Amino acid sequence: DFFYGYNCQRQAHTLYPTHLWRNENRHILNNYIVNKNETLDDKDPYNQESYKKYNQSDYAPTLMHNEALSFIEQNKKNTFFLYYASPLPHLPLQAPEGWVKYYNEKFGKEEPYVGRSYYPNRTPRATYAAMISYLDEQVGEIIAKLKEIGEYENTLIIFTSDNGPTHVPQVDYEFFNSTGIFVNSRNTMKGSVNEGGIRVPMIASWPNEIEPGTSSDHISAFYDFFETALDVASIESPIQTDGISFYPELKGQKQKKHKYLYWEFPANGGLQAIRMGKWKGLKKNLFKEKSKLKLFDLSIDPKELNDLSSKFPEVVSELEEYLKEAHSTPYLDNFIIPSLE
């Protein structure tokens, strides 16, 4: 086993951390600490020199990417599993200069972001686009490395995201159309259990196994990945989980489905959500009260605007029972929502 990257969330809120970790050893970088809530204060927001301190020497996404390529090279004669958790394009807005310049020329003049929530940035749109394009470039280099060692056709590559788009002001989600068809307000993006917060795309490539150009409407969750990886490797699961392998779906075979998917989030007032086929149930403000379940038909209402709970009480009753079945008392007190106990 080998690890390289962040293991501290506080450090991970900059792409120029003071250190990363190589296994159990701290890898000291040529960077320094900058308060992530800093503002420009009296500096000229239109002068690029005012932002110089926010781009330093050792860029974590590049270091992590190089280690990933090295890992593939070192294991080219072995079967291997690589989990590449790129910090891109998570904030703060910090990107390679070449890509930023490319998008500055494409987008033209834009207003600066002067800070408060993450670091100030002279060209926030160009920098965010640069971060995404740099990630795309890195994925391309990983694919090129697999082709170089002759294992591309025999390798399953899965690309996905851990949540929906962010709502912070320096990321212009309307300009980029980041929200797609799933968001109706800033309160239904990342940090929510609305579709805009939890529904993400997944791309899978495996030339020897997956038919090119195919798509799937199979509903899955990240806790299915463990079972899928074991299934692909022909390993029996050592523990019982809630996951269901989606390996059959990748191969175009008959796929077992979840009876429902469940989410619980002890933030933003306390949230619960459940998905059963086309139906989605939502509860909010659970720290204040035992919230009534709102019901949405996602097949016609992906933005969750039309509450159908009064029209389909039998569906509400069924989902309420599944909510009780799915909930268990969290091990950590900070994760407990009293109204659910």
C-alpha atoms as a PDB file:
ATOM      1  CA  ASP A   1       0.000   0.000   0.000  1.00  0.00           C
ATOM      2  CA  PHE A   2       1.106   3.562  -0.707  1.00  0.00           C
ATOM      3  CA  PHE A   3      -0.354   6.965   0.232  1.00  0.00           C
ATOM      4  CA  TYR A   4       0.533  10.476  -0.877  1.00  0.00           C
ATOM      5  CA  GLY A   5      -1.504  13.614  -0.269  1.00  0.00           C
ATOM      6  CA  TYR A   6      -3.383  15.493   2.419  1.00  0.00           C
ATOM      7  CA  ASN A   7      -4.542  13.881   5.648  1.00  0.00           C
ATOM      8  CA  CYS A   8      -5.706  17.076   7.361  1.00  0.00           C
ATOM      9  CA  GLN A   9      -8.767  19.016   6.216  1.00  0.00           C
ATOM     10  CA  ARG A  10      -7.307  22.285   7.489  1.00  0.00           C
ATOM     11  CA  GLN A  11      -4.255  21.864   5.253  1.00  0.00           C
ATOM     12  CA  ALA A  12      -6.494  20.792   2.371  1.00  0.00           C
ATOM     13  CA  HIS A  13      -8.123  24.227   2.172  1.00  0.00           C
ATOM     14  CA  THR A  14      -5.163  25.512   0.203  1.00  0.00           C
ATOM     15  CA  LEU A  15      -3.544  24.044  -2.901  1.00  0.00           C
ATOM     16  CA  TYR A  16      -0.205  25.359  -1.609  1.00  0.00           C
ATOM     17  CA  PRO A  17      -0.004  23.554   1.771  1.00  0.00           C
ATOM     18  CA  THR A  18       3.057  23.620   3.989  1.00  0.00           C
ATOM     19  CA  HIS A  19       3.293  19.829   3.736  1.00  0.00           C
ATOM     20  CA  LEU A  20       1.750  16.658   2.345  1.00  0.00           C
ATOM     21  CA  TRP A  21       2.174  13.090   3.554  1.00  0.00           C
ATOM     22  CA  ARG A  22       4.037  10.204   1.922  1.00  0.00           C
ATOM     23  CA  ASN A  23       2.750   7.243   3.868  1.00  0.00           C
ATOM     24  CA  GLU A  24       3.533   8.088   7.517  1.00  0.00           C
ATOM     25  CA  ASN A  25       6.228  10.658   6.632  1.00  0.00           C
ATOM     26  CA  ARG A  26       5.590  14.384   6.410  1.00  0.00           C
ATOM     27  CA  HIS A  27       6.750  15.848   3.071  1.00  0.00           C
ATOM     28  CA  ILE A  28       7.689  19.483   3.750  1.00  0.00           C
ATOM     29  CA  LEU A  29       6.892  21.864   0.874  1.00  0.00           C
ATOM     30  CA  ASN A  30       8.276  25.252  -0.078  1.00  0.00           C
ATOM     31  CA  ASN A  31       5.068  27.080   0.881  1.00  0.00           C
ATOM     32  CA  TYR A  32       3.915  29.200   3.819  1.00  0.00           C
ATOM     33  CA  ILE A  33       0.650  29.619   5.707  1.00  0.00           C
ATOM     34  CA  VAL A  34      -1.816  32.273   4.551  1.00  0.00           C
ATOM     35  CA  ASN A  35      -5.108  32.917   6.356  1.00  0.00           C
ATOM     36  CA  LYS A  36      -7.770  31.485   4.040  1.00  0.00           C
ATOM     37  CA  ASN A  37     -10.273  34.200   5.052  1.00  0.00           C
ATOM     38  CA  GLU A  38      -7.872  37.010   4.226  1.00  0.00           C
ATOM     39  CA  THR A  39      -8.973  40.058   2.220  1.00  0.00           C
ATOM     40  CA  LEU A  40      -7.001  42.499   0.068  1.00  0.00           C
ATOM     41  CA  ASP A  41      -7.765  45.376   2.466  1.00  0.00           C
ATOM     42  CA  ASP A  42      -6.172  48.526   1.016  1.00  0.00           C
ATOM     43  CA  LYS A  43      -4.369  46.814  -1.889  1.00  0.00           C
ATOM     44  CA  ASP A  44      -5.412  47.622  -5.460  1.00  0.00           C
ATOM     45  CA  PRO A  45      -7.852  44.842  -6.506  1.00  0.00           C
ATOM     46  CA  TYR A  46      -7.140  45.452 -10.209  1.00  0.00           C
ATOM     47  CA  ASN A  47      -3.373  45.012  -9.886  1.00  0.00           C
ATOM     48  CA  GLN A  48      -2.200  41.407 -10.330  1.00  0.00           C
ATOM     49  CA  GLU A  49       0.717  42.088  -7.962  1.00  0.00           C
ATOM     50  CA  SER A  50      -1.793  42.373  -5.096  1.00  0.00           C
ATOM     51  CA  TYR A  51      -2.469  38.632  -5.428  1.00  0.00           C
ATOM     52  CA  LYS A  52       1.105  37.379  -5.678  1.00  0.00           C
ATOM     53  CA  LYS A  53       1.235  35.786  -2.200  1.00  0.00           C
ATOM     54  CA  TYR A  54      -1.677  33.441  -2.965  1.00  0.00           C
ATOM     55  CA  ASN A  55       0.236  31.460  -5.613  1.00  0.00           C
ATOM     56  CA  GLN A  56       3.374  29.964  -4.134  1.00  0.00           C
ATOM     57  CA  SER A  57       5.939  27.311  -5.111  1.00  0.00           C
ATOM     58  CA  ASP A  58       4.796  23.711  -4.590  1.00  0.00           C
ATOM     59  CA  TYR A  59       1.344  23.075  -6.082  1.00  0.00           C
ATOM     60  CA  ALA A  60      -0.267  20.065  -4.401  1.00  0.00           C
ATOM     61  CA  PRO A  61      -2.336  18.865  -7.410  1.00  0.00           C
ATOM     62  CA  THR A  62       0.838  18.594  -9.504  1.00  0.00           C
ATOM     63  CA  LEU A  63       2.751  16.753  -6.779  1.00  0.00           C
ATOM     64  CA  MET A  64      -0.103  14.305  -6.211  1.00  0.00           C
ATOM     65  CA  HIS A  65      -0.509  13.729  -9.935  1.00  0.00           C
ATOM     66  CA  ASN A  66       3.183  12.974 -10.385  1.00  0.00           C
ATOM     67  CA  GLU A  67       3.020  10.446  -7.551  1.00  0.00           C
ATOM     68  CA  ALA A  68       0.012   8.795  -9.213  1.00  0.00           C
ATOM     69  CA  LEU A  69       1.912   8.427 -12.493  1.00  0.00           C
ATOM     70  CA  SER A  70       4.906   7.041 -10.601  1.00  0.00           C
ATOM     71  CA  PHE A  71       2.668   4.536  -8.791  1.00  0.00           C
ATOM     72  CA  ILE A  72       1.308   3.272 -12.117  1.00  0.00           C
ATOM     73  CA  GLU A  73       4.818   2.932 -13.530  1.00  0.00           C
ATOM     74  CA  GLN A  74       6.077   1.051 -10.470  1.00  0.00           C
ATOM     75  CA  ASN A  75       3.139  -1.366 -10.592  1.00  0.00           C
ATOM     76  CA  LYS A  76       2.936  -1.890 -14.342  1.00  0.00           C
ATOM     77  CA  LYS A  77       3.680  -5.603 -13.957  1.00  0.00           C
ATOM     78  CA  ASN A  78       1.125  -6.042 -11.153  1.00  0.00           C
ATOM     79  CA  THR A  79      -2.604  -5.689 -10.807  1.00  0.00           C
ATOM     80  CA  PHE A  80      -3.237  -2.460  -8.912  1.00  0.00           C
ATOM     81  CA  PHE A  81      -5.918  -0.174  -7.496  1.00  0.00           C
ATOM     82  CA  LEU A  82      -5.351   3.589  -7.614  1.00  0.00           C
ATOM     83  CA  TYR A  83      -7.646   5.975  -5.764  1.00  0.00           C
ATOM     84  CA  TYR A  84      -6.732   9.410  -7.086  1.00  0.00           C
ATOM     85  CA  ALA A  85      -8.588  12.001  -4.975  1.00  0.00           C
ATOM     86  CA  SER A  86      -7.639  15.176  -6.792  1.00  0.00           C
ATOM     87  CA  PRO A  87      -8.355  18.370  -4.836  1.00  0.00           C
ATOM     88  CA  LEU A  88      -9.301  20.079  -8.120  1.00  0.00           C
ATOM     89  CA  PRO A  89     -11.447  22.088  -8.660  1.00  0.00           C
ATOM     90  CA  HIS A  90     -12.190  22.547  -4.948  1.00  0.00           C
ATOM     91  CA  LEU A  91     -11.544  26.027  -3.634  1.00  0.00           C
ATOM     92  CA  PRO A  92      -9.489  28.108  -3.146  1.00  0.00           C
ATOM     93  CA  LEU A  93      -9.043  29.509  -6.634  1.00  0.00           C
ATOM     94  CA  GLN A  94      -5.419  28.580  -7.384  1.00  0.00           C
ATOM     95  CA  ALA A  95      -4.316  27.259 -10.762  1.00  0.00           C
ATOM     96  CA  PRO A  96      -1.269  26.920 -13.051  1.00  0.00           C
ATOM     97  CA  GLU A  97      -0.382  30.232 -14.667  1.00  0.00           C
ATOM     98  CA  GLY A  98      -0.468  28.870 -18.222  1.00  0.00           C
ATOM     99  CA  TRP A  99      -4.075  27.713 -17.994  1.00  0.00           C
ATOM    100  CA  VAL A 100      -5.148  30.945 -16.275  1.00  0.00           C
ATOM    101  CA  LYS A 101      -3.589  32.973 -19.088  1.00  0.00           C
ATOM    102  CA  TYR A 102      -5.397  30.808 -21.664  1.00  0.00           C
ATOM    103  CA  TYR A 103      -8.788  31.575 -20.121  1.00  0.00           C
ATOM    104  CA  ASN A 104      -7.969  35.230 -19.508  1.00  0.00           C
ATOM    105  CA  GLU A 105      -7.605  35.547 -23.266  1.00  0.00           C
ATOM    106  CA  LYS A 106     -10.858  33.642 -23.899  1.00  0.00           C
ATOM    107  CA  PHE A 107     -13.030  35.354 -21.270  1.00  0.00           C
ATOM    108  CA  GLY A 108     -11.616  38.870 -21.405  1.00  0.00           C
ATOM    109  CA  LYS A 109     -11.925  41.378 -18.574  1.00  0.00           C
ATOM    110  CA  GLU A 110     -13.668  40.345 -15.357  1.00  0.00           C
ATOM    111  CA  GLU A 111     -14.198  41.706 -11.877  1.00  0.00           C
ATOM    112  CA  PRO A 112     -11.825  40.506  -9.122  1.00  0.00           C
ATOM    113  CA  TYR A 113     -12.768  38.539  -6.029  1.00  0.00           C
ATOM    114  CA  VAL A 114     -11.326  40.418  -3.057  1.00  0.00           C
ATOM    115  CA  GLY A 115     -11.591  37.660  -0.462  1.00  0.00           C
ATOM    116  CA  ARG A 116     -13.258  36.770   2.829  1.00  0.00           C
ATOM    117  CA  SER A 117     -14.318  33.216   1.970  1.00  0.00           C
ATOM    118  CA  TYR A 118     -11.042  31.721   0.697  1.00  0.00           C
ATOM    119  CA  TYR A 119      -8.251  33.718  -0.915  1.00  0.00           C
ATOM    120  CA  PRO A 120      -8.680  36.774  -3.142  1.00  0.00           C
ATOM    121  CA  ASN A 121      -8.280  36.245  -6.875  1.00  0.00           C
ATOM    122  CA  ARG A 122      -7.865  38.721  -9.723  1.00  0.00           C
ATOM    123  CA  THR A 123      -9.626  36.604 -12.374  1.00  0.00           C
ATOM    124  CA  PRO A 124     -11.981  34.155 -10.623  1.00  0.00           C
ATOM    125  CA  ARG A 125     -13.749  32.831 -13.734  1.00  0.00           C
ATOM    126  CA  ALA A 126     -10.516  32.231 -15.619  1.00  0.00           C
ATOM    127  CA  THR A 127      -8.910  30.575 -12.598  1.00  0.00           C
ATOM    128  CA  TYR A 128     -11.843  28.229 -11.953  1.00  0.00           C
ATOM    129  CA  ALA A 129     -11.880  27.203 -15.611  1.00  0.00           C
ATOM    130  CA  ALA A 130      -8.105  26.718 -15.431  1.00  0.00           C
ATOM    131  CA  MET A 131      -8.452  24.355 -12.471  1.00  0.00           C
ATOM    132  CA  ILE A 132     -10.966  22.207 -14.345  1.00  0.00           C
ATOM    133  CA  SER A 133      -8.883  22.127 -17.517  1.00  0.00           C
ATOM    134  CA  TYR A 134      -5.759  21.226 -15.559  1.00  0.00           C
ATOM    135  CA  LEU A 135      -7.627  18.313 -13.988  1.00  0.00           C
ATOM    136  CA  ASP A 136      -8.744  17.259 -17.464  1.00  0.00           C
ATOM    137  CA  GLU A 137      -5.126  17.435 -18.625  1.00  0.00           C
ATOM    138  CA  GLN A 138      -4.042  15.246 -15.706  1.00  0.00           C
ATOM    139  CA  VAL A 139      -6.691  12.609 -16.447  1.00  0.00           C
ATOM    140  CA  GLY A 140      -5.414  12.570 -20.022  1.00  0.00           C
ATOM    141  CA  GLU A 141      -1.871  11.970 -18.782  1.00  0.00           C
ATOM    142  CA  ILE A 142      -3.031   9.057 -16.618  1.00  0.00           C
ATOM    143  CA  ILE A 143      -4.750   7.508 -19.645  1.00  0.00           C
ATOM    144  CA  ALA A 144      -1.606   8.089 -21.713  1.00  0.00           C
ATOM    145  CA  LYS A 145       0.481   6.338 -19.044  1.00  0.00           C
ATOM    146  CA  LEU A 146      -1.879   3.331 -19.077  1.00  0.00           C
ATOM    147  CA  LYS A 147      -1.558   3.156 -22.861  1.00  0.00           C
ATOM    148  CA  GLU A 148       2.224   3.440 -22.587  1.00  0.00           C
ATOM    149  CA  ILE A 149       2.414   0.367 -20.331  1.00  0.00           C
ATOM    150  CA  GLY A 150      -0.133  -1.511 -22.453  1.00  0.00           C
ATOM    151  CA  GLU A 151      -2.873  -1.710 -19.815  1.00  0.00           C
ATOM    152  CA  TYR A 152      -5.424   0.872 -20.945  1.00  0.00           C
ATOM    153  CA  GLU A 153      -7.844  -1.618 -22.527  1.00  0.00           C
ATOM    154  CA  ASN A 154      -7.652  -3.817 -19.442  1.00  0.00           C
ATOM    155  CA  THR A 155      -8.162  -1.048 -16.853  1.00  0.00           C
ATOM    156  CA  LEU A 156     -11.442   0.148 -15.350  1.00  0.00           C
ATOM    157  CA  ILE A 157     -11.377   3.933 -14.922  1.00  0.00           C
ATOM    158  CA  ILE A 158     -14.161   5.618 -12.949  1.00  0.00           C
ATOM    159  CA  PHE A 159     -14.417   9.404 -12.798  1.00  0.00           C
ATOM    160  CA  THR A 160     -16.956  11.103 -10.540  1.00  0.00           C
ATOM    161  CA  SER A 161     -17.431  13.800  -7.880  1.00  0.00           C
ATOM    162  CA  ASP A 162     -18.319  13.753  -4.204  1.00  0.00           C
ATOM    163  CA  ASN A 163     -21.041  16.424  -4.326  1.00  0.00           C
ATOM    164  CA  GLY A 164     -22.800  18.972  -6.480  1.00  0.00           C
ATOM    165  CA  PRO A 165     -21.613  22.487  -7.360  1.00  0.00           C
ATOM    166  CA  THR A 166     -20.506  24.961  -4.726  1.00  0.00           C
ATOM    167  CA  HIS A 167     -22.506  28.112  -4.000  1.00  0.00           C
ATOM    168  CA  VAL A 168     -19.693  30.387  -2.813  1.00  0.00           C
ATOM    169  CA  PRO A 169     -19.582  33.806  -4.518  1.00  0.00           C
ATOM    170  CA  GLN A 170     -16.200  33.542  -6.235  1.00  0.00           C
ATOM    171  CA  VAL A 171     -17.366  30.571  -8.329  1.00  0.00           C
ATOM    172  CA  ASP A 172     -19.815  31.946 -10.885  1.00  0.00           C
ATOM    173  CA  TYR A 173     -22.004  28.849 -11.213  1.00  0.00           C
ATOM    174  CA  GLU A 174     -24.485  30.686 -13.452  1.00  0.00           C
ATOM    175  CA  PHE A 175     -21.720  31.699 -15.874  1.00  0.00           C
ATOM    176  CA  PHE A 176     -20.461  28.097 -16.058  1.00  0.00           C
ATOM    177  CA  ASN A 177     -23.966  26.551 -15.931  1.00  0.00           C
ATOM    178  CA  SER A 178     -22.582  24.283 -13.211  1.00  0.00           C
ATOM    179  CA  THR A 179     -26.005  23.592 -11.750  1.00  0.00           C
ATOM    180  CA  GLY A 180     -27.596  21.976 -14.795  1.00  0.00           C
ATOM    181  CA  ILE A 181     -31.257  21.062 -14.297  1.00  0.00           C
ATOM    182  CA  PHE A 182     -31.071  20.120 -10.619  1.00  0.00           C
ATOM    183  CA  VAL A 183     -30.762  23.416  -8.740  1.00  0.00           C
ATOM    184  CA  ASN A 184     -33.440  25.992  -7.944  1.00  0.00           C
ATOM    185  CA  SER A 185     -31.547  28.131  -5.403  1.00  0.00           C
ATOM    186  CA  ARG A 186     -28.228  28.510  -3.563  1.00  0.00           C
ATOM    187  CA  ASN A 187     -29.764  26.435  -0.764  1.00  0.00           C
ATOM    188  CA  THR A 188     -30.103  23.369  -2.993  1.00  0.00           C
ATOM    189  CA  MET A 189     -26.458  22.988  -4.005  1.00  0.00           C
ATOM    190  CA  LYS A 190     -23.460  21.549  -2.142  1.00  0.00           C
ATOM    191  CA  GLY A 191     -24.284  20.992   1.525  1.00  0.00           C
ATOM    192  CA  SER A 192     -27.908  20.121   0.820  1.00  0.00           C
ATOM    193  CA  VAL A 193     -29.628  16.773   0.252  1.00  0.00           C
ATOM    194  CA  ASN A 194     -31.471  18.164  -2.755  1.00  0.00           C
ATOM    195  CA  GLU A 195     -30.514  16.756  -6.138  1.00  0.00           C
ATOM    196  CA  GLY A 196     -28.184  19.708  -6.692  1.00  0.00           C
ATOM    197  CA  GLY A 197     -26.193  18.686  -3.625  1.00  0.00           C
ATOM    198  CA  ILE A 198     -26.024  14.898  -3.938  1.00  0.00           C
ATOM    199  CA  ARG A 199     -26.651  13.959  -7.568  1.00  0.00           C
ATOM    200  CA  VAL A 200     -23.434  13.708  -9.567  1.00  0.00           C
ATOM    201  CA  PRO A 201     -22.410  12.162 -12.889  1.00  0.00           C
ATOM    202  CA  MET A 202     -20.138   9.144 -13.205  1.00  0.00           C
ATOM    203  CA  ILE A 203     -18.044   8.181 -16.223  1.00  0.00           C
ATOM    204  CA  ALA A 204     -16.673   4.656 -16.570  1.00  0.00           C
ATOM    205  CA  SER A 205     -14.172   3.487 -19.185  1.00  0.00           C
ATOM    206  CA  TRP A 206     -13.020  -0.100 -19.688  1.00  0.00           C
ATOM    207  CA  PRO A 207     -12.441  -0.939 -23.355  1.00  0.00           C
ATOM    208  CA  ASN A 208     -12.236  -4.704 -22.812  1.00  0.00           C
ATOM    209  CA  GLU A 209     -15.480  -4.855 -20.790  1.00  0.00           C
ATOM    210  CA  ILE A 210     -17.732  -1.818 -21.331  1.00  0.00           C
ATOM    211  CA  GLU A 211     -19.439  -1.233 -24.665  1.00  0.00           C
ATOM    212  CA  PRO A 212     -18.254   2.191 -25.929  1.00  0.00           C
ATOM    213  CA  GLY A 213     -20.858   4.944 -26.070  1.00  0.00           C
ATOM    214  CA  THR A 214     -23.325   3.287 -23.709  1.00  0.00           C
ATOM    215  CA  SER A 215     -25.215   5.115 -20.977  1.00  0.00           C
ATOM    216  CA  SER A 216     -27.143   4.015 -17.908  1.00  0.00           C
ATOM    217  CA  ASP A 217     -29.921   5.368 -15.706  1.00  0.00           C
ATOM    218  CA  HIS A 218     -29.025   3.000 -12.863  1.00  0.00           C
ATOM    219  CA  ILE A 219     -29.275   4.769  -9.495  1.00  0.00           C
ATOM    220  CA  SER A 220     -26.294   4.143  -7.269  1.00  0.00           C
ATOM    221  CA  ALA A 221     -24.402   5.641  -4.328  1.00  0.00           C
ATOM    222  CA  PHE A 222     -20.773   5.785  -3.267  1.00  0.00           C
ATOM    223  CA  TYR A 223     -21.262   3.015  -0.739  1.00  0.00           C
ATOM    224  CA  ASP A 224     -21.791   0.735  -3.754  1.00  0.00           C
ATOM    225  CA  PHE A 225     -18.230   1.250  -4.943  1.00  0.00           C
ATOM    226  CA  PHE A 226     -16.596  -1.002  -2.341  1.00  0.00           C
ATOM    227  CA  GLU A 227     -18.789  -3.928  -3.373  1.00  0.00           C
ATOM    228  CA  THR A 228     -18.201  -3.138  -7.048  1.00  0.00           C
ATOM    229  CA  ALA A 229     -14.416  -3.077  -6.673  1.00  0.00           C
ATOM    230  CA  LEU A 230     -14.484  -6.409  -4.845  1.00  0.00           C
ATOM    231  CA  ASP A 231     -16.747  -7.868  -7.523  1.00  0.00           C
ATOM    232  CA  VAL A 232     -14.428  -6.732 -10.321  1.00  0.00           C
ATOM    233  CA  ALA A 233     -11.467  -8.285  -8.485  1.00  0.00           C
ATOM    234  CA  SER A 234     -13.420 -11.506  -7.756  1.00  0.00           C
ATOM    235  CA  ILE A 235     -12.984 -11.008  -4.007  1.00  0.00           C
ATOM    236  CA  GLU A 236     -15.694 -11.916  -1.532  1.00  0.00           C
ATOM    237  CA  SER A 237     -16.653  -9.051   0.781  1.00  0.00           C
ATOM    238  CA  PRO A 238     -15.112  -9.518   4.257  1.00  0.00           C
ATOM    239  CA  ILE A 239     -17.906  -7.494   5.894  1.00  0.00           C
ATOM    240  CA  GLN A 240     -21.593  -6.835   5.373  1.00  0.00           C
ATOM    241  CA  THR A 241     -22.351  -3.433   3.862  1.00  0.00           C
ATOM    242  CA  ASP A 242     -25.368  -1.629   2.426  1.00  0.00           C
ATOM    243  CA  GLY A 243     -23.665  -1.531  -0.964  1.00  0.00           C
ATOM    244  CA  ILE A 244     -24.689  -3.343  -4.137  1.00  0.00           C
ATOM    245  CA  SER A 245     -22.110  -4.013  -6.847  1.00  0.00           C
ATOM    246  CA  PHE A 246     -22.873  -2.221 -10.111  1.00  0.00           C
ATOM    247  CA  TYR A 247     -20.385  -4.384 -12.016  1.00  0.00           C
ATOM    248  CA  PRO A 248     -23.251  -6.133 -13.875  1.00  0.00           C
ATOM    249  CA  GLU A 249     -24.517  -2.731 -15.062  1.00  0.00           C
ATOM    250  CA  LEU A 250     -21.075  -1.883 -16.429  1.00  0.00           C
ATOM    251  CA  LYS A 251     -21.121  -5.101 -18.456  1.00  0.00           C
ATOM    252  CA  GLY A 252     -24.674  -4.591 -19.702  1.00  0.00           C
ATOM    253  CA  GLN A 253     -26.059  -7.458 -17.625  1.00  0.00           C
ATOM    254  CA  LYS A 254     -29.066  -7.695 -15.306  1.00  0.00           C
ATOM    255  CA  GLN A 255     -28.476  -5.377 -12.354  1.00  0.00           C
ATOM    256  CA  LYS A 256     -29.782  -5.701  -8.797  1.00  0.00           C
ATOM    257  CA  LYS A 257     -31.232  -2.420  -7.538  1.00  0.00           C
ATOM    258  CA  HIS A 258     -31.597  -0.740  -4.160  1.00  0.00           C
ATOM    259  CA  LYS A 259     -35.031  -0.681  -2.564  1.00  0.00           C
ATOM    260  CA  TYR A 260     -34.134   2.885  -1.614  1.00  0.00           C
ATOM    261  CA  LEU A 261     -31.154   5.191  -1.050  1.00  0.00           C
ATOM    262  CA  TYR A 262     -30.841   7.185   2.176  1.00  0.00           C
ATOM    263  CA  TRP A 263     -29.047  10.379   3.221  1.00  0.00           C
ATOM    264  CA  GLU A 264     -28.765  12.068   6.620  1.00  0.00           C
ATOM    265  CA  PHE A 265     -26.805  15.254   7.254  1.00  0.00           C
ATOM    266  CA  PRO A 266     -26.410  16.939  10.677  1.00  0.00           C
ATOM    267  CA  ALA A 267     -25.690  20.390   9.208  1.00  0.00           C
ATOM    268  CA  ASN A 268     -27.691  23.236   7.703  1.00  0.00           C
ATOM    269  CA  GLY A 269     -30.462  22.674  10.212  1.00  0.00           C
ATOM    270  CA  GLY A 270     -30.490  18.875  10.023  1.00  0.00           C
ATOM    271  CA  LEU A 271     -31.414  17.110   6.791  1.00  0.00           C
ATOM    272  CA  GLN A 272     -32.835  13.781   5.658  1.00  0.00           C
ATOM    273  CA  ALA A 273     -33.536  12.461   2.172  1.00  0.00           C
ATOM    274  CA  ILE A 274     -34.680   9.201   0.648  1.00  0.00           C
ATOM    275  CA  ARG A 275     -34.872   8.065  -2.972  1.00  0.00           C
ATOM    276  CA  MET A 276     -37.162   5.233  -4.108  1.00  0.00           C
ATOM    277  CA  GLY A 277     -37.422   4.880  -7.866  1.00  0.00           C
ATOM    278  CA  LYS A 278     -38.782   8.143  -9.234  1.00  0.00           C
ATOM    279  CA  TRP A 279     -39.820   9.333  -5.760  1.00  0.00           C
ATOM    280  CA  LYS A 280     -37.702  11.584  -3.550  1.00  0.00           C
ATOM    281  CA  GLY A 281     -38.580  12.444   0.047  1.00  0.00           C
ATOM    282  CA  LEU A 282     -37.030  15.419   1.853  1.00  0.00           C
ATOM    283  CA  LYS A 283     -37.008  16.611   5.448  1.00  0.00           C
ATOM    284  CA  LYS A 284     -35.297  19.814   6.613  1.00  0.00           C
ATOM    285  CA  ASN A 285     -34.799  21.812   9.836  1.00  0.00           C
ATOM    286  CA  LEU A 286     -34.759  18.612  11.873  1.00  0.00           C
ATOM    287  CA  PHE A 287     -32.920  20.250  14.760  1.00  0.00           C
ATOM    288  CA  LYS A 288     -35.948  22.495  15.323  1.00  0.00           C
ATOM    289  CA  GLU A 289     -38.788  20.031  14.885  1.00  0.00           C
ATOM    290  CA  LYS A 290     -39.960  16.723  13.505  1.00  0.00           C
ATOM    291  CA  SER A 291     -40.249  17.944   9.957  1.00  0.00           C
ATOM    292  CA  LYS A 292     -42.987  16.796   7.604  1.00  0.00           C
ATOM    293  CA  LEU A 293     -41.787  14.916   4.558  1.00  0.00           C
ATOM    294  CA  LYS A 294     -41.995  16.678   1.216  1.00  0.00           C
ATOM    295  CA  LEU A 295     -42.454  14.426  -1.808  1.00  0.00           C
ATOM    296  CA  PHE A 296     -41.170  14.995  -5.338  1.00  0.00           C
ATOM    297  CA  ASP A 297     -41.447  13.067  -8.599  1.00  0.00           C
ATOM    298  CA  LEU A 298     -37.920  13.382 -10.003  1.00  0.00           C
ATOM    299  CA  SER A 299     -38.943  12.030 -13.408  1.00  0.00           C
ATOM    300  CA  ILE A 300     -40.799  15.290 -14.113  1.00  0.00           C
ATOM    301  CA  ASP A 301     -39.509  17.604 -11.370  1.00  0.00           C
ATOM    302  CA  PRO A 302     -35.695  17.333 -11.002  1.00  0.00           C
ATOM    303  CA  LYS A 303     -35.546  20.759  -9.334  1.00  0.00           C
ATOM    304  CA  GLU A 304     -37.869  19.540  -6.563  1.00  0.00           C
ATOM    305  CA  LEU A 305     -40.302  22.436  -6.853  1.00  0.00           C
ATOM    306  CA  ASN A 306     -43.691  20.694  -6.660  1.00  0.00           C
ATOM    307  CA  ASP A 307     -44.444  18.987  -3.324  1.00  0.00           C
ATOM    308  CA  LEU A 308     -46.798  16.042  -3.988  1.00  0.00           C
ATOM    309  CA  SER A 309     -47.065  14.757  -0.422  1.00  0.00           C
ATOM    310  CA  SER A 310     -50.767  15.634  -0.124  1.00  0.00           C
ATOM    311  CA  LYS A 311     -51.605  13.827  -3.375  1.00  0.00           C
ATOM    312  CA  PHE A 312     -49.725  10.588  -2.641  1.00  0.00           C
ATOM    313  CA  PRO A 313     -50.092   9.890   1.102  1.00  0.00           C
ATOM    314  CA  GLU A 314     -49.458   6.174   0.572  1.00  0.00           C
ATOM    315  CA  VAL A 315     -46.026   6.919  -0.918  1.00  0.00           C
ATOM    316  CA  VAL A 316     -45.271   9.267   1.983  1.00  0.00           C
ATOM    317  CA  SER A 317     -46.187   6.537   4.489  1.00  0.00           C
ATOM    318  CA  GLU A 318     -43.930   4.028   2.748  1.00  0.00           C
ATOM    319  CA  LEU A 319     -41.000   6.437   2.673  1.00  0.00           C
ATOM    320  CA  GLU A 320     -41.534   7.332   6.332  1.00  0.00           C
ATOM    321  CA  GLU A 321     -41.170   3.664   7.243  1.00  0.00           C
ATOM    322  CA  TYR A 322     -37.975   3.383   5.207  1.00  0.00           C
ATOM    323  CA  LEU A 323     -36.580   6.505   6.906  1.00  0.00           C
ATOM    324  CA  LYS A 324     -37.042   4.811  10.275  1.00  0.00           C
ATOM    325  CA  GLU A 325     -35.517   1.598   8.949  1.00  0.00           C
ATOM    326  CA  ALA A 326     -32.461   3.336   7.495  1.00  0.00           C
ATOM    327  CA  HIS A 327     -31.619   5.607  10.422  1.00  0.00           C
ATOM    328  CA  SER A 328     -29.260   4.474  13.153  1.00  0.00           C
ATOM    329  CA  THR A 329     -27.823   6.482  16.024  1.00  0.00           C
ATOM    330  CA  PRO A 330     -24.464   7.975  14.979  1.00  0.00           C
ATOM    331  CA  TYR A 331     -21.379   6.962  16.929  1.00  0.00           C
ATOM    332  CA  LEU A 332     -20.263  10.598  17.296  1.00  0.00           C
ATOM    333  CA  ASP A 333     -22.454  12.927  19.359  1.00  0.00           C
ATOM    334  CA  ASN A 334     -21.882  15.810  16.922  1.00  0.00           C
ATOM    335  CA  PHE A 335     -23.683  13.822  14.221  1.00  0.00           C
ATOM    336  CA  ILE A 336     -26.809  13.109  16.274  1.00  0.00           C
ATOM    337  CA  ILE A 337     -30.068  14.808  15.237  1.00  0.00           C
ATOM    338  CA  PRO A 338     -32.215  14.596  18.414  1.00  0.00           C
ATOM    339  CA  SER A 339     -35.574  14.551  16.605  1.00  0.00           C
ATOM    340  CA  LEU A 340     -34.560  11.317  14.851  1.00  0.00           C
ATOM    341  CA  GLU A 341     -33.760   9.464  18.075  1.00  0.00           C
END
